[in-house]
Amino acid sequence: MRATGADNFSRVVTELERAGCVARYYEGYRTNHANRGGLRNLVCVLDVDVSAALRRRDMLV
């Protein structure tokens, strides 16, 4: 895990989500976790096609 500025990271994830590259979930929304009732952890799921293109190092246009 990386500690990143929350504002910058949130903006980036929002843009990727709007483009359809990422799905955003929060740990605890779909599954239980140890910190129930506390702060939730963000879980970003990369789209399968985007993931494959990144592995091939193709241009995403």
Protein backbone atom coordinates (compact mmCIF):
# COMPACT_ATOMS: atom_id res chain seq x y z
CA MET A 1 0.00 0.00 0.00
CA ARG A 2 1.08 3.53 -0.66
CA ALA A 3 0.29 6.59 1.38
CA THR A 4 -0.79 9.27 -1.10
CA GLY A 5 -2.31 12.70 -0.72
CA ALA A 6 -6.02 11.96 -0.43
CA ASP A 7 -7.13 14.93 -2.55
CA ASN A 8 -4.85 14.15 -5.48
CA PHE A 9 -5.57 10.44 -5.39
CA SER A 10 -9.31 11.01 -5.18
CA ARG A 11 -9.20 13.30 -8.23
CA VAL A 12 -7.23 10.76 -10.25
CA VAL A 13 -9.55 7.89 -9.30
CA THR A 14 -12.61 10.02 -10.15
CA GLU A 15 -11.24 10.78 -13.63
CA LEU A 16 -10.38 7.11 -14.22
CA GLU A 17 -13.84 6.11 -13.00
CA ARG A 18 -15.53 8.57 -15.39
CA ALA A 19 -13.45 7.13 -18.24
CA GLY A 20 -14.62 3.62 -17.32
CA CYS A 21 -11.13 2.35 -16.45
CA VAL A 22 -11.68 1.81 -12.72
CA ALA A 23 -14.52 0.71 -10.45
CA ARG A 24 -14.47 2.11 -6.92
CA TYR A 25 -15.65 0.14 -3.89
CA TYR A 26 -15.11 0.59 -0.20
CA GLU A 27 -13.98 -2.31 1.98
CA GLY A 28 -16.86 -2.90 4.34
CA TYR A 29 -19.50 -1.95 1.78
CA ARG A 30 -19.52 -5.37 0.13
CA THR A 31 -17.64 -7.41 2.72
CA ASN A 32 -17.02 -7.20 6.44
CA HIS A 33 -13.66 -6.06 7.72
CA ALA A 34 -11.88 -5.75 11.06
CA ASN A 35 -12.34 -1.99 11.30
CA ARG A 36 -16.13 -2.09 10.96
CA GLY A 37 -17.57 1.27 11.96
CA GLY A 38 -14.22 2.99 11.53
CA LEU A 39 -12.69 4.50 8.44
CA ARG A 40 -13.24 2.42 5.32
CA ASN A 41 -10.48 1.48 2.92
CA LEU A 42 -10.86 2.28 -0.77
CA VAL A 43 -10.64 -0.68 -3.16
CA CYS A 44 -10.11 0.21 -6.83
CA VAL A 45 -10.75 -2.50 -9.42
CA LEU A 46 -9.05 -2.01 -12.77
CA ASP A 47 -11.08 -2.85 -15.89
CA VAL A 48 -10.00 -6.13 -17.54
CA ASP A 49 -9.32 -4.52 -20.95
CA VAL A 50 -7.29 -1.71 -19.39
CA SER A 51 -5.30 -4.20 -17.35
CA ALA A 52 -4.55 -6.27 -20.47
CA ALA A 53 -3.49 -3.17 -22.42
CA LEU A 54 -1.16 -2.12 -19.60
CA ARG A 55 0.42 -5.58 -19.56
CA ARG A 56 0.96 -5.35 -23.34
CA ARG A 57 2.04 -1.70 -22.92
CA ASP A 58 -0.40 -0.62 -25.65
CA MET A 59 -1.56 2.95 -26.05
CA LEU A 60 -4.93 3.59 -24.39
CA VAL A 61 -6.62 6.03 -26.74
